[in-house]
Amino acid sequence: MKKMILWALLALGMSTSMQAQTDVSFGFKGGLNVTNFWLKNRVLKKENQEGYFFGPTLRVASPVTGWGFDIAAIYDQRQAKLYAENDGITLLQRQIAIPLNLRYEIGVADAAAVFLFAGPQIGLNIGEKSKSFYDDAANWRLKTSAFSVNMGFGVMLLKHFQVHANYNVACGKTGDVTFNSAANSVFNDISGKKKGRASAWQVGMVYYF
């Protein structure tokens, strides 16, 4: 009985110690995307365009070790324009993205901290699954889900404000553009399926409550 009480007290002490050494914060993030679109084709020109993201986030960090992680559920919109001469079409990707980042913070008292972060992200497509253009000579089809990786850095101010920048690298294809035989009337022998990838430069802000 005494051993059980001792073990219970030890477990309680460890739990209290871990809670004391862990900083848990809820917040809301938002920012801008600049899509870095890649298409396996040299005929079509590409023009990257701005998008945005926003949603709730959770940060867990240890003031003692500097290590921690953050996870979020965000609405993420990206777009890029494909065109030949003056004729173009805008490809739009809307998704619910769930990034999970490992982070390392180096603090300066309680005033500020700089940090590095990296981790995987899963995106679930909630927008258009496909779109035809050039008089049905081509069709853009998005995957229902996408996997990517984040790598970035940021600054935390007064434990509430965060500014960060990162590159989100698409792993595998985001979708593909299929050109049928009619595409030859628009382009020069471009029929077939071309893979597309939508990575993005991202700049954002977070407010932790």
Protein backbone atom coordinates (compact mmCIF):
# COMPACT_ATOMS: atom_id res chain seq x y z
CA MET A 1 0.00 0.00 0.00
CA LYS A 2 2.83 2.37 0.89
CA LYS A 3 4.54 1.59 -2.42
CA MET A 4 1.35 2.38 -4.33
CA ILE A 5 1.04 5.72 -2.53
CA LEU A 6 4.69 6.52 -3.26
CA TRP A 7 4.26 5.65 -6.94
CA ALA A 8 1.10 7.77 -7.13
CA LEU A 9 2.88 10.73 -5.52
CA LEU A 10 5.83 10.29 -7.88
CA ALA A 11 3.53 10.18 -10.93
CA LEU A 12 1.68 13.27 -9.70
CA GLY A 13 4.96 15.08 -9.15
CA MET A 14 6.23 14.20 -12.62
CA SER A 15 2.95 15.27 -14.21
CA THR A 16 3.02 18.59 -12.37
CA SER A 17 6.65 19.11 -13.33
CA MET A 18 5.91 18.41 -17.02
CA GLN A 19 2.97 20.80 -17.01
CA ALA A 20 5.13 23.46 -15.39
CA GLN A 21 7.79 22.99 -18.09
CA THR A 22 5.35 23.02 -21.02
CA ASP A 23 3.79 26.08 -22.58
CA VAL A 24 0.49 25.36 -24.39
CA SER A 25 -1.06 28.14 -26.48
CA PHE A 26 -4.13 28.36 -28.71
CA GLY A 27 -4.19 30.91 -31.50
CA PHE A 28 -5.40 31.99 -34.92
CA LYS A 29 -3.16 32.29 -37.97
CA GLY A 30 -3.45 33.86 -41.38
CA GLY A 31 -1.25 34.87 -44.26
CA LEU A 32 -0.44 34.94 -47.96
CA ASN A 33 0.57 32.26 -50.48
CA VAL A 34 2.63 32.85 -53.58
CA THR A 35 2.13 29.70 -55.63
CA ASN A 36 5.18 28.10 -57.22
CA PHE A 37 3.43 26.06 -59.91
CA TRP A 38 5.29 23.45 -61.94
CA LEU A 39 3.88 21.73 -65.01
CA LYS A 40 5.61 18.98 -66.96
CA ASN A 41 5.42 20.84 -70.24
CA ARG A 42 7.49 23.53 -71.98
CA VAL A 43 4.86 24.91 -74.35
CA LEU A 44 2.52 26.49 -71.82
CA LYS A 45 3.74 29.53 -69.93
CA LYS A 46 3.03 29.80 -66.21
CA GLU A 47 2.24 32.85 -64.11
CA ASN A 48 2.18 32.35 -60.36
CA GLN A 49 -0.44 34.28 -58.43
CA GLU A 50 -1.24 35.14 -54.84
CA GLY A 51 -3.51 33.19 -52.52
CA TYR A 52 -4.15 33.12 -48.78
CA PHE A 53 -4.67 30.88 -45.74
CA PHE A 54 -6.25 31.19 -42.28
CA GLY A 55 -7.40 29.02 -39.38
CA PRO A 56 -6.92 27.96 -35.73
CA THR A 57 -3.62 26.65 -34.42
CA LEU A 58 -2.17 25.02 -31.29
CA ARG A 59 1.40 25.44 -30.06
CA VAL A 60 3.11 23.25 -27.45
CA ALA A 61 6.63 24.25 -26.38
CA SER A 62 9.09 23.61 -23.58
CA PRO A 63 10.75 26.75 -22.15
CA VAL A 64 13.48 24.50 -20.73
CA THR A 65 14.61 22.63 -23.86
CA GLY A 66 13.32 24.97 -26.58
CA TRP A 67 11.72 22.08 -28.47
CA GLY A 68 8.03 21.91 -29.27
CA PHE A 69 5.50 21.53 -32.04
CA ASP A 70 2.50 23.26 -33.57
CA ILE A 71 -0.52 21.91 -35.41
CA ALA A 72 -3.25 23.78 -37.28
CA ALA A 73 -6.36 23.31 -39.42
CA ILE A 74 -6.41 26.00 -42.09
CA TYR A 75 -8.30 26.98 -45.21
CA ASP A 76 -5.67 27.28 -47.94
CA GLN A 77 -6.22 28.76 -51.42
CA ARG A 78 -3.65 28.76 -54.22
CA GLN A 79 -3.80 29.70 -57.87
CA ALA A 80 -1.68 29.85 -60.99
CA LYS A 81 -2.34 30.92 -64.56
CA LEU A 82 -1.54 28.85 -67.64
CA TYR A 83 -1.54 30.64 -70.96
CA ALA A 84 -0.36 30.58 -74.55
CA GLU A 85 0.14 34.02 -76.03
CA ASN A 86 -2.84 36.07 -74.74
CA ASP A 87 -5.20 33.18 -74.01
CA GLY A 88 -5.08 31.90 -70.44
CA ILE A 89 -6.87 29.99 -67.71
CA THR A 90 -6.51 30.28 -63.93
CA LEU A 91 -6.08 27.02 -62.02
CA LEU A 92 -7.48 27.25 -58.50
CA GLN A 93 -6.82 24.94 -55.56
CA ARG A 94 -8.93 25.16 -52.39
CA GLN A 95 -8.10 22.82 -49.53
CA ILE A 96 -8.27 22.22 -45.80
CA ALA A 97 -4.64 21.85 -44.81
CA ILE A 98 -3.36 20.25 -41.60
CA PRO A 99 0.31 21.12 -40.96
CA LEU A 100 2.22 19.48 -38.09
CA ASN A 101 5.57 21.18 -37.46
CA LEU A 102 8.41 20.36 -35.13
CA ARG A 103 9.94 23.62 -33.90
CA TYR A 104 12.99 24.78 -31.96
CA GLU A 105 12.89 28.15 -30.19
CA ILE A 106 15.70 30.30 -28.82
CA GLY A 107 14.28 32.89 -26.46
CA VAL A 108 15.48 36.28 -25.25
CA ALA A 109 13.89 36.48 -21.79
CA ASP A 110 10.11 36.78 -22.25
CA ALA A 111 10.30 39.54 -24.83
CA ALA A 112 11.13 37.63 -27.99
CA ALA A 113 12.17 34.29 -29.43
CA VAL A 114 13.37 33.15 -32.83
CA PHE A 115 12.52 29.68 -34.06
CA LEU A 116 12.98 27.19 -36.88
CA PHE A 117 10.30 24.72 -37.90
CA ALA A 118 9.71 21.85 -40.30
CA GLY A 119 7.14 19.13 -40.74
CA PRO A 120 4.57 17.37 -42.91
CA GLN A 121 1.25 18.74 -44.15
CA ILE A 122 -1.85 16.99 -45.46
CA GLY A 123 -4.27 18.87 -47.71
CA LEU A 124 -7.85 17.78 -48.45
CA ASN A 125 -9.36 19.24 -51.62
CA ILE A 126 -12.70 21.04 -51.00
CA GLY A 127 -12.86 23.01 -54.26
CA GLU A 128 -13.37 22.06 -57.88
CA LYS A 129 -12.13 18.59 -58.74
CA SER A 130 -11.72 19.36 -62.44
CA LYS A 131 -12.01 22.20 -64.93
CA SER A 132 -12.10 22.19 -68.74
CA PHE A 133 -10.66 25.01 -70.81
CA TYR A 134 -9.51 25.98 -74.31
CA ASP A 135 -12.87 24.86 -75.74
CA ASP A 136 -12.64 21.49 -73.96
CA ALA A 137 -9.24 20.79 -75.55
CA ALA A 138 -7.74 20.44 -72.07
CA ASN A 139 -8.89 19.40 -68.59
CA TRP A 140 -7.30 20.18 -65.20
CA ARG A 141 -7.99 17.51 -62.56
CA LEU A 142 -6.95 17.88 -58.92
CA LYS A 143 -6.17 15.02 -56.56
CA THR A 144 -8.57 14.64 -53.62
CA SER A 145 -5.66 14.90 -51.18
CA ALA A 146 -2.08 16.14 -51.29
CA PHE A 147 1.02 15.64 -49.14
CA SER A 148 3.63 18.35 -48.67
CA VAL A 149 6.44 19.44 -46.33
CA ASN A 150 7.00 22.79 -44.60
CA MET A 151 10.39 24.39 -43.88
CA GLY A 152 10.67 27.84 -42.35
CA PHE A 153 11.58 30.28 -39.59
CA GLY A 154 9.91 32.94 -37.49
CA VAL A 155 9.90 35.35 -34.56
CA MET A 156 7.72 35.20 -31.43
CA LEU A 157 7.04 38.51 -29.63
CA LEU A 158 5.78 38.83 -26.07
CA LYS A 159 4.52 35.20 -26.17
CA HIS A 160 1.45 36.30 -28.16
CA PHE A 161 2.49 37.52 -31.61
CA GLN A 162 4.24 35.37 -34.17
CA VAL A 163 5.53 36.25 -37.63
CA HIS A 164 6.83 33.47 -39.86
CA ALA A 165 7.87 32.60 -43.40
CA ASN A 166 8.22 29.18 -44.99
CA TYR A 167 8.29 27.20 -48.19
CA ASN A 168 5.65 24.50 -48.59
CA VAL A 169 7.02 21.80 -50.91
CA ALA A 170 4.50 19.60 -52.71
CA CYS A 171 5.51 15.93 -52.63
CA GLY A 172 4.18 14.15 -55.68
CA LYS A 173 1.67 15.64 -58.09
CA THR A 174 -1.09 18.04 -57.06
CA GLY A 175 -3.03 17.21 -60.19
CA ASP A 176 -2.63 16.85 -63.93
CA VAL A 177 -3.65 18.58 -67.13
CA THR A 178 -4.91 16.30 -69.91
CA PHE A 179 -4.77 17.59 -73.49
CA ASN A 180 -6.82 15.77 -76.13
CA SER A 181 -6.25 15.73 -79.88
CA ALA A 182 -8.16 18.99 -80.25
CA ALA A 183 -5.37 20.71 -78.33
CA ASN A 184 -3.26 20.64 -81.45
CA SER A 185 -5.44 23.41 -82.86
CA VAL A 186 -4.42 25.59 -79.91
CA PHE A 187 -0.88 24.40 -79.29
CA ASN A 188 1.72 22.47 -81.22
CA ASP A 189 1.41 18.71 -80.68
CA ILE A 190 0.75 18.77 -76.93
CA SER A 191 -1.78 15.93 -76.56
CA GLY A 192 -1.46 13.67 -73.50
CA LYS A 193 -1.36 14.03 -69.72
CA LYS A 194 1.01 16.46 -67.99
CA LYS A 195 1.64 16.33 -64.24
CA GLY A 196 1.31 19.50 -62.16
CA ARG A 197 2.62 20.48 -58.71
CA ALA A 198 1.60 23.47 -56.59
CA SER A 199 4.17 24.41 -53.96
CA ALA A 200 4.01 27.83 -52.26
CA TRP A 201 6.01 30.49 -50.50
CA GLN A 202 4.04 31.51 -47.40
CA VAL A 203 4.23 34.51 -45.07
CA GLY A 204 1.94 34.58 -42.04
CA MET A 205 1.07 35.93 -38.63
CA VAL A 206 -0.33 34.21 -35.53
CA TYR A 207 -1.96 35.65 -32.43
CA TYR A 208 -1.91 33.32 -29.40
CA PHE A 209 -4.57 33.99 -26.76
